[in-house]
Amino acid sequence: MSGLIKSSIARKVVMALSGLFLVVFLTQHFVINITSVIDPETFNSWSHFMGYNPLVQFILQPILIAGVIIHFVMGFILEIQNKNARGVNYVKYKGGANAPWVSRNMIYSGLVVLAFLVLHFYDFWVHEMAYKYVNFLPEDPTRYHEETVVKFAPFWRTILYVVSFGLLSLHLWHGFSSSFQSMGLNNKYSSAIKTFTKIFSVVIPLGFAFIALYHHLNPITH
């Protein structure tokens, strides 16, 4: 077992599985968030369920946090491993002739995405924890939409989110399809899977960016 964990193949599989798990969460997160634009009442209802359901709060939420940590830690380990394997660069690097820019810079786009996640956790998760477990405020199923819109009132925060979603798109562009390859899923469906992952990598981050811009341009006025 220790040999399996230490092996390069095992690390790539763990990286792939954690990445696919986060893609599932990203999809679910988008489905909920887009309702903040389409139907605020539905957004409030779903957000309240996610915020107070014991299964979500005490089982799925810790699993999600663990998945984020595992994915990024494994990414750093693989990057260090790849650098050590390359050793000295005897041949001058020829840019895109060797590998696409996105695949060569996954560690950097990943670091930006990680920094964005820290901001996102601070904006929403920390606020939610403080609301419920620090300030012990009463349940308010109608508060979520307004809290979300208010977060995007500052121009700088909205732009930061939009830029981060752009880099998330780049990260997914290579990482999503690579996850299936790491799992050994190279068959007659490979072309269709690759096409789907490329579409997903553009549409979902673009959708998140749209949500941020929409709420910035449509503030709540009392």
C-alpha atoms as a PDB file:
ATOM      1  CA  MET A   1       0.000   0.000   0.000  1.00  0.00           C
ATOM      2  CA  SER A   2       2.809   2.442   0.876  1.00  0.00           C
ATOM      3  CA  GLY A   3       4.452   1.630  -2.452  1.00  0.00           C
ATOM      4  CA  LEU A   4       1.185   2.367  -4.266  1.00  0.00           C
ATOM      5  CA  ILE A   5       0.790   5.722  -2.508  1.00  0.00           C
ATOM      6  CA  LYS A   6       4.378   6.676  -3.327  1.00  0.00           C
ATOM      7  CA  SER A   7       4.092   5.704  -6.990  1.00  0.00           C
ATOM      8  CA  SER A   8       3.708   8.321  -9.693  1.00  0.00           C
ATOM      9  CA  ILE A   9       0.696   6.542 -11.171  1.00  0.00           C
ATOM     10  CA  ALA A  10      -1.118   6.450  -7.825  1.00  0.00           C
ATOM     11  CA  ARG A  11      -0.499  10.169  -7.307  1.00  0.00           C
ATOM     12  CA  LYS A  12      -1.885  10.985 -10.721  1.00  0.00           C
ATOM     13  CA  VAL A  13      -4.964   8.858 -10.063  1.00  0.00           C
ATOM     14  CA  VAL A  14      -5.563  10.602  -6.718  1.00  0.00           C
ATOM     15  CA  MET A  15      -5.092  13.943  -8.463  1.00  0.00           C
ATOM     16  CA  ALA A  16      -7.576  12.930 -11.163  1.00  0.00           C
ATOM     17  CA  LEU A  17     -10.196  11.598  -8.747  1.00  0.00           C
ATOM     18  CA  SER A  18     -10.033  14.672  -6.505  1.00  0.00           C
ATOM     19  CA  GLY A  19     -10.233  16.890  -9.597  1.00  0.00           C
ATOM     20  CA  LEU A  20     -13.302  15.089 -10.917  1.00  0.00           C
ATOM     21  CA  PHE A  21     -14.880  15.322  -7.477  1.00  0.00           C
ATOM     22  CA  LEU A  22     -14.321  19.102  -7.484  1.00  0.00           C
ATOM     23  CA  VAL A  23     -15.824  19.344 -10.975  1.00  0.00           C
ATOM     24  CA  VAL A  24     -19.006  17.716  -9.638  1.00  0.00           C
ATOM     25  CA  PHE A  25     -19.087  20.245  -6.807  1.00  0.00           C
ATOM     26  CA  LEU A  26     -18.434  23.098  -9.258  1.00  0.00           C
ATOM     27  CA  THR A  27     -21.403  22.000 -11.361  1.00  0.00           C
ATOM     28  CA  GLN A  28     -23.690  21.793  -8.343  1.00  0.00           C
ATOM     29  CA  HIS A  29     -22.432  25.168  -7.129  1.00  0.00           C
ATOM     30  CA  PHE A  30     -23.169  26.752 -10.505  1.00  0.00           C
ATOM     31  CA  VAL A  31     -26.683  25.297 -10.686  1.00  0.00           C
ATOM     32  CA  ILE A  32     -27.504  26.878  -7.314  1.00  0.00           C
ATOM     33  CA  ASN A  33     -25.797  30.202  -8.025  1.00  0.00           C
ATOM     34  CA  ILE A  34     -27.406  30.776 -11.421  1.00  0.00           C
ATOM     35  CA  THR A  35     -30.799  30.780  -9.697  1.00  0.00           C
ATOM     36  CA  SER A  36     -29.708  33.980  -7.922  1.00  0.00           C
ATOM     37  CA  VAL A  37     -30.120  35.610 -11.340  1.00  0.00           C
ATOM     38  CA  ILE A  38     -33.147  33.664 -12.550  1.00  0.00           C
ATOM     39  CA  ASP A  39     -35.242  33.277  -9.383  1.00  0.00           C
ATOM     40  CA  PRO A  40     -34.030  34.797  -6.067  1.00  0.00           C
ATOM     41  CA  GLU A  41     -36.631  32.868  -4.083  1.00  0.00           C
ATOM     42  CA  THR A  42     -35.331  29.546  -5.370  1.00  0.00           C
ATOM     43  CA  PHE A  43     -31.789  30.669  -4.627  1.00  0.00           C
ATOM     44  CA  ASN A  44     -32.782  31.541  -1.043  1.00  0.00           C
ATOM     45  CA  SER A  45     -34.550  28.209  -0.612  1.00  0.00           C
ATOM     46  CA  TRP A  46     -31.677  26.100  -1.938  1.00  0.00           C
ATOM     47  CA  SER A  47     -29.048  28.110  -0.081  1.00  0.00           C
ATOM     48  CA  HIS A  48     -30.949  27.747   3.182  1.00  0.00           C
ATOM     49  CA  PHE A  49     -31.200  23.992   2.655  1.00  0.00           C
ATOM     50  CA  MET A  50     -27.453  23.742   1.973  1.00  0.00           C
ATOM     51  CA  GLY A  51     -26.692  25.936   4.984  1.00  0.00           C
ATOM     52  CA  TYR A  52     -28.757  24.051   7.549  1.00  0.00           C
ATOM     53  CA  ASN A  53     -29.019  20.451   6.355  1.00  0.00           C
ATOM     54  CA  PRO A  54     -26.940  18.302   8.781  1.00  0.00           C
ATOM     55  CA  LEU A  55     -25.795  15.903   6.035  1.00  0.00           C
ATOM     56  CA  VAL A  56     -24.447  18.794   3.958  1.00  0.00           C
ATOM     57  CA  GLN A  57     -22.946  20.686   6.877  1.00  0.00           C
ATOM     58  CA  PHE A  58     -21.282  17.921   8.869  1.00  0.00           C
ATOM     59  CA  ILE A  59     -20.491  15.247   6.269  1.00  0.00           C
ATOM     60  CA  LEU A  60     -20.409  16.630   2.716  1.00  0.00           C
ATOM     61  CA  GLN A  61     -18.822  19.945   3.644  1.00  0.00           C
ATOM     62  CA  PRO A  62     -15.806  18.380   5.404  1.00  0.00           C
ATOM     63  CA  ILE A  63     -15.436  15.963   2.467  1.00  0.00           C
ATOM     64  CA  LEU A  64     -15.390  18.937   0.091  1.00  0.00           C
ATOM     65  CA  ILE A  65     -12.725  20.742   2.124  1.00  0.00           C
ATOM     66  CA  ALA A  66     -10.661  17.544   2.232  1.00  0.00           C
ATOM     67  CA  GLY A  67     -11.044  17.191  -1.539  1.00  0.00           C
ATOM     68  CA  VAL A  68      -9.755  20.730  -2.114  1.00  0.00           C
ATOM     69  CA  ILE A  69      -6.758  20.157   0.157  1.00  0.00           C
ATOM     70  CA  ILE A  70      -5.900  16.779  -1.395  1.00  0.00           C
ATOM     71  CA  HIS A  71      -6.161  18.127  -4.944  1.00  0.00           C
ATOM     72  CA  PHE A  72      -3.874  21.096  -4.410  1.00  0.00           C
ATOM     73  CA  VAL A  73      -1.363  19.288  -2.199  1.00  0.00           C
ATOM     74  CA  MET A  74      -1.123  16.479  -4.752  1.00  0.00           C
ATOM     75  CA  GLY A  75      -0.701  19.080  -7.489  1.00  0.00           C
ATOM     76  CA  PHE A  76       2.289  20.592  -5.694  1.00  0.00           C
ATOM     77  CA  ILE A  77       3.805  17.151  -5.097  1.00  0.00           C
ATOM     78  CA  LEU A  78       3.456  16.202  -8.775  1.00  0.00           C
ATOM     79  CA  GLU A  79       4.948  19.524  -9.880  1.00  0.00           C
ATOM     80  CA  ILE A  80       7.987  19.015  -7.653  1.00  0.00           C
ATOM     81  CA  GLN A  81       8.266  15.414  -8.842  1.00  0.00           C
ATOM     82  CA  ASN A  82       8.160  16.495 -12.492  1.00  0.00           C
ATOM     83  CA  LYS A  83      10.812  19.161 -11.947  1.00  0.00           C
ATOM     84  CA  ASN A  84      13.111  16.672 -10.233  1.00  0.00           C
ATOM     85  CA  ALA A  85      12.554  14.172 -13.046  1.00  0.00           C
ATOM     86  CA  ARG A  86      13.467  16.739 -15.696  1.00  0.00           C
ATOM     87  CA  GLY A  87      16.688  17.659 -13.914  1.00  0.00           C
ATOM     88  CA  VAL A  88      18.945  20.000 -15.902  1.00  0.00           C
ATOM     89  CA  ASN A  89      17.496  21.461 -19.084  1.00  0.00           C
ATOM     90  CA  TYR A  90      20.147  20.417 -21.565  1.00  0.00           C
ATOM     91  CA  VAL A  91      18.036  21.395 -24.561  1.00  0.00           C
ATOM     92  CA  LYS A  92      16.640  24.876 -24.899  1.00  0.00           C
ATOM     93  CA  TYR A  93      12.906  24.921 -24.372  1.00  0.00           C
ATOM     94  CA  LYS A  94      10.933  25.522 -27.575  1.00  0.00           C
ATOM     95  CA  GLY A  95       7.686  26.796 -26.127  1.00  0.00           C
ATOM     96  CA  GLY A  96       4.486  25.402 -27.585  1.00  0.00           C
ATOM     97  CA  ALA A  97       6.437  22.888 -29.697  1.00  0.00           C
ATOM     98  CA  ASN A  98       6.891  20.753 -26.577  1.00  0.00           C
ATOM     99  CA  ALA A  99       3.600  21.259 -24.757  1.00  0.00           C
ATOM    100  CA  PRO A 100       0.620  23.638 -24.720  1.00  0.00           C
ATOM    101  CA  TRP A 101       1.010  26.766 -22.587  1.00  0.00           C
ATOM    102  CA  VAL A 102      -1.896  25.725 -20.374  1.00  0.00           C
ATOM    103  CA  SER A 103      -0.401  22.342 -19.486  1.00  0.00           C
ATOM    104  CA  ARG A 104       3.011  23.921 -18.790  1.00  0.00           C
ATOM    105  CA  ASN A 105       1.520  26.420 -16.355  1.00  0.00           C
ATOM    106  CA  MET A 106      -1.046  24.353 -14.455  1.00  0.00           C
ATOM    107  CA  ILE A 107       0.759  25.044 -11.184  1.00  0.00           C
ATOM    108  CA  TYR A 108       0.403  28.805 -11.665  1.00  0.00           C
ATOM    109  CA  SER A 109      -3.234  28.791 -12.690  1.00  0.00           C
ATOM    110  CA  GLY A 110      -3.813  26.384  -9.797  1.00  0.00           C
ATOM    111  CA  LEU A 111      -2.182  28.788  -7.339  1.00  0.00           C
ATOM    112  CA  VAL A 112      -4.410  31.626  -8.525  1.00  0.00           C
ATOM    113  CA  VAL A 113      -7.484  29.411  -8.261  1.00  0.00           C
ATOM    114  CA  LEU A 114      -6.406  28.438  -4.746  1.00  0.00           C
ATOM    115  CA  ALA A 115      -6.011  32.117  -3.798  1.00  0.00           C
ATOM    116  CA  PHE A 116      -9.464  32.758  -5.246  1.00  0.00           C
ATOM    117  CA  LEU A 117     -10.911  29.909  -3.177  1.00  0.00           C
ATOM    118  CA  VAL A 118      -9.447  31.483  -0.043  1.00  0.00           C
ATOM    119  CA  LEU A 119     -11.196  34.773  -0.915  1.00  0.00           C
ATOM    120  CA  HIS A 120     -14.404  32.930  -1.754  1.00  0.00           C
ATOM    121  CA  PHE A 121     -14.324  31.017   1.532  1.00  0.00           C
ATOM    122  CA  TYR A 122     -13.733  34.292   3.356  1.00  0.00           C
ATOM    123  CA  ASP A 123     -16.590  36.048   1.556  1.00  0.00           C
ATOM    124  CA  PHE A 124     -19.196  33.344   2.023  1.00  0.00           C
ATOM    125  CA  TRP A 125     -18.157  30.340   4.144  1.00  0.00           C
ATOM    126  CA  VAL A 126     -16.534  32.321   6.979  1.00  0.00           C
ATOM    127  CA  HIS A 127     -19.482  34.715   6.989  1.00  0.00           C
ATOM    128  CA  GLU A 128     -21.904  31.789   7.186  1.00  0.00           C
ATOM    129  CA  MET A 129     -19.992  30.143  10.037  1.00  0.00           C
ATOM    130  CA  ALA A 130     -19.897  33.431  11.949  1.00  0.00           C
ATOM    131  CA  TYR A 131     -23.608  34.010  11.366  1.00  0.00           C
ATOM    132  CA  LYS A 132     -24.593  30.612  12.762  1.00  0.00           C
ATOM    133  CA  TYR A 133     -21.920  29.591  15.253  1.00  0.00           C
ATOM    134  CA  VAL A 134     -20.318  32.827  16.481  1.00  0.00           C
ATOM    135  CA  ASN A 135     -23.105  35.385  16.505  1.00  0.00           C
ATOM    136  CA  PHE A 136     -25.857  32.747  16.875  1.00  0.00           C
ATOM    137  CA  LEU A 137     -28.246  34.765  14.736  1.00  0.00           C
ATOM    138  CA  PRO A 138     -31.704  33.307  14.021  1.00  0.00           C
ATOM    139  CA  GLU A 139     -32.472  31.451  10.815  1.00  0.00           C
ATOM    140  CA  ASP A 140     -33.495  33.736   7.968  1.00  0.00           C
ATOM    141  CA  PRO A 141     -34.310  31.818   4.780  1.00  0.00           C
ATOM    142  CA  THR A 142     -34.611  35.075   2.819  1.00  0.00           C
ATOM    143  CA  ARG A 143     -31.175  36.571   3.504  1.00  0.00           C
ATOM    144  CA  TYR A 144     -28.978  34.726   0.984  1.00  0.00           C
ATOM    145  CA  HIS A 145     -29.799  36.566  -2.217  1.00  0.00           C
ATOM    146  CA  GLU A 146     -29.229  40.015  -0.744  1.00  0.00           C
ATOM    147  CA  GLU A 147     -25.987  38.909   0.943  1.00  0.00           C
ATOM    148  CA  THR A 148     -24.711  37.576  -2.383  1.00  0.00           C
ATOM    149  CA  VAL A 149     -25.582  40.714  -4.354  1.00  0.00           C
ATOM    150  CA  VAL A 150     -23.976  42.970  -1.730  1.00  0.00           C
ATOM    151  CA  LYS A 151     -20.697  41.039  -2.028  1.00  0.00           C
ATOM    152  CA  PHE A 152     -20.409  42.054  -5.673  1.00  0.00           C
ATOM    153  CA  ALA A 153     -21.102  45.737  -5.088  1.00  0.00           C
ATOM    154  CA  PRO A 154     -17.368  46.697  -5.004  1.00  0.00           C
ATOM    155  CA  PHE A 155     -15.949  46.948  -8.517  1.00  0.00           C
ATOM    156  CA  TRP A 156     -12.562  45.521  -7.474  1.00  0.00           C
ATOM    157  CA  ARG A 157     -14.081  42.370  -6.014  1.00  0.00           C
ATOM    158  CA  THR A 158     -16.199  41.754  -9.106  1.00  0.00           C
ATOM    159  CA  ILE A 159     -13.187  42.145 -11.425  1.00  0.00           C
ATOM    160  CA  LEU A 160     -11.121  39.874  -9.184  1.00  0.00           C
ATOM    161  CA  TYR A 161     -13.805  37.198  -9.402  1.00  0.00           C
ATOM    162  CA  VAL A 162     -14.086  37.544 -13.191  1.00  0.00           C
ATOM    163  CA  VAL A 163     -10.307  37.263 -13.678  1.00  0.00           C
ATOM    164  CA  SER A 164     -10.199  34.251 -11.339  1.00  0.00           C
ATOM    165  CA  PHE A 165     -12.944  32.524 -13.326  1.00  0.00           C
ATOM    166  CA  GLY A 166     -10.912  33.135 -16.476  1.00  0.00           C
ATOM    167  CA  LEU A 167      -7.917  31.366 -14.937  1.00  0.00           C
ATOM    168  CA  LEU A 168     -10.213  28.619 -13.654  1.00  0.00           C
ATOM    169  CA  SER A 169     -11.264  28.100 -17.259  1.00  0.00           C
ATOM    170  CA  LEU A 170      -7.626  27.696 -18.316  1.00  0.00           C
ATOM    171  CA  HIS A 171      -7.019  25.275 -15.444  1.00  0.00           C
ATOM    172  CA  LEU A 172     -10.042  23.179 -16.415  1.00  0.00           C
ATOM    173  CA  TRP A 173      -9.161  23.292 -20.119  1.00  0.00           C
ATOM    174  CA  HIS A 174      -6.208  20.995 -19.536  1.00  0.00           C
ATOM    175  CA  GLY A 175      -6.972  19.435 -16.163  1.00  0.00           C
ATOM    176  CA  PHE A 176     -10.516  18.160 -16.784  1.00  0.00           C
ATOM    177  CA  SER A 177      -9.685  16.119 -19.871  1.00  0.00           C
ATOM    178  CA  SER A 178      -6.359  15.001 -18.374  1.00  0.00           C
ATOM    179  CA  SER A 179      -8.233  13.527 -15.409  1.00  0.00           C
ATOM    180  CA  PHE A 180      -9.924  11.001 -17.675  1.00  0.00           C
ATOM    181  CA  GLN A 181      -6.602  10.125 -19.295  1.00  0.00           C
ATOM    182  CA  SER A 182      -5.028   9.572 -15.873  1.00  0.00           C
ATOM    183  CA  MET A 183      -7.881   7.191 -15.101  1.00  0.00           C
ATOM    184  CA  GLY A 184      -7.031   5.241 -18.254  1.00  0.00           C
ATOM    185  CA  LEU A 185     -10.261   6.070 -20.067  1.00  0.00           C
ATOM    186  CA  ASN A 186      -8.855   6.041 -23.590  1.00  0.00           C
ATOM    187  CA  ASN A 187     -11.484   4.411 -25.795  1.00  0.00           C
ATOM    188  CA  LYS A 188     -13.934   5.195 -28.574  1.00  0.00           C
ATOM    189  CA  TYR A 189     -15.548   7.845 -26.373  1.00  0.00           C
ATOM    190  CA  SER A 190     -12.294   9.760 -25.819  1.00  0.00           C
ATOM    191  CA  SER A 191     -13.023  12.321 -28.521  1.00  0.00           C
ATOM    192  CA  ALA A 192     -16.521  13.002 -27.183  1.00  0.00           C
ATOM    193  CA  ILE A 193     -15.203  13.275 -23.614  1.00  0.00           C
ATOM    194  CA  LYS A 194     -12.526  15.736 -24.698  1.00  0.00           C
ATOM    195  CA  THR A 195     -15.090  17.865 -26.535  1.00  0.00           C
ATOM    196  CA  PHE A 196     -17.386  17.856 -23.510  1.00  0.00           C
ATOM    197  CA  THR A 197     -14.588  18.869 -21.127  1.00  0.00           C
ATOM    198  CA  LYS A 198     -13.570  21.763 -23.387  1.00  0.00           C
ATOM    199  CA  ILE A 199     -17.146  23.049 -23.571  1.00  0.00           C
ATOM    200  CA  PHE A 200     -17.533  22.685 -19.808  1.00  0.00           C
ATOM    201  CA  SER A 201     -14.235  24.518 -19.229  1.00  0.00           C
ATOM    202  CA  VAL A 202     -15.570  27.559 -21.078  1.00  0.00           C
ATOM    203  CA  VAL A 203     -19.284  27.581 -20.284  1.00  0.00           C
ATOM    204  CA  ILE A 204     -19.202  27.086 -16.496  1.00  0.00           C
ATOM    205  CA  PRO A 205     -16.517  29.714 -15.665  1.00  0.00           C
ATOM    206  CA  LEU A 206     -18.186  32.097 -18.144  1.00  0.00           C
ATOM    207  CA  GLY A 207     -21.474  31.489 -16.344  1.00  0.00           C
ATOM    208  CA  PHE A 208     -19.913  32.285 -12.972  1.00  0.00           C
ATOM    209  CA  ALA A 209     -18.385  35.471 -14.403  1.00  0.00           C
ATOM    210  CA  PHE A 210     -21.801  36.449 -15.763  1.00  0.00           C
ATOM    211  CA  ILE A 211     -23.355  35.991 -12.307  1.00  0.00           C
ATOM    212  CA  ALA A 212     -20.740  38.247 -10.696  1.00  0.00           C
ATOM    213  CA  LEU A 213     -21.135  40.965 -13.342  1.00  0.00           C
ATOM    214  CA  TYR A 214     -24.926  40.731 -13.266  1.00  0.00           C
ATOM    215  CA  HIS A 215     -25.107  41.320  -9.514  1.00  0.00           C
ATOM    216  CA  HIS A 216     -22.569  44.153  -9.723  1.00  0.00           C
ATOM    217  CA  LEU A 217     -24.633  45.895 -12.399  1.00  0.00           C
ATOM    218  CA  ASN A 218     -27.959  45.207 -10.646  1.00  0.00           C
ATOM    219  CA  PRO A 219     -27.448  46.219  -7.000  1.00  0.00           C
ATOM    220  CA  ILE A 220     -30.216  45.985  -4.450  1.00  0.00           C
ATOM    221  CA  THR A 221     -31.680  49.377  -3.613  1.00  0.00           C
ATOM    222  CA  HIS A 222     -33.958  49.982  -0.657  1.00  0.00           C
END
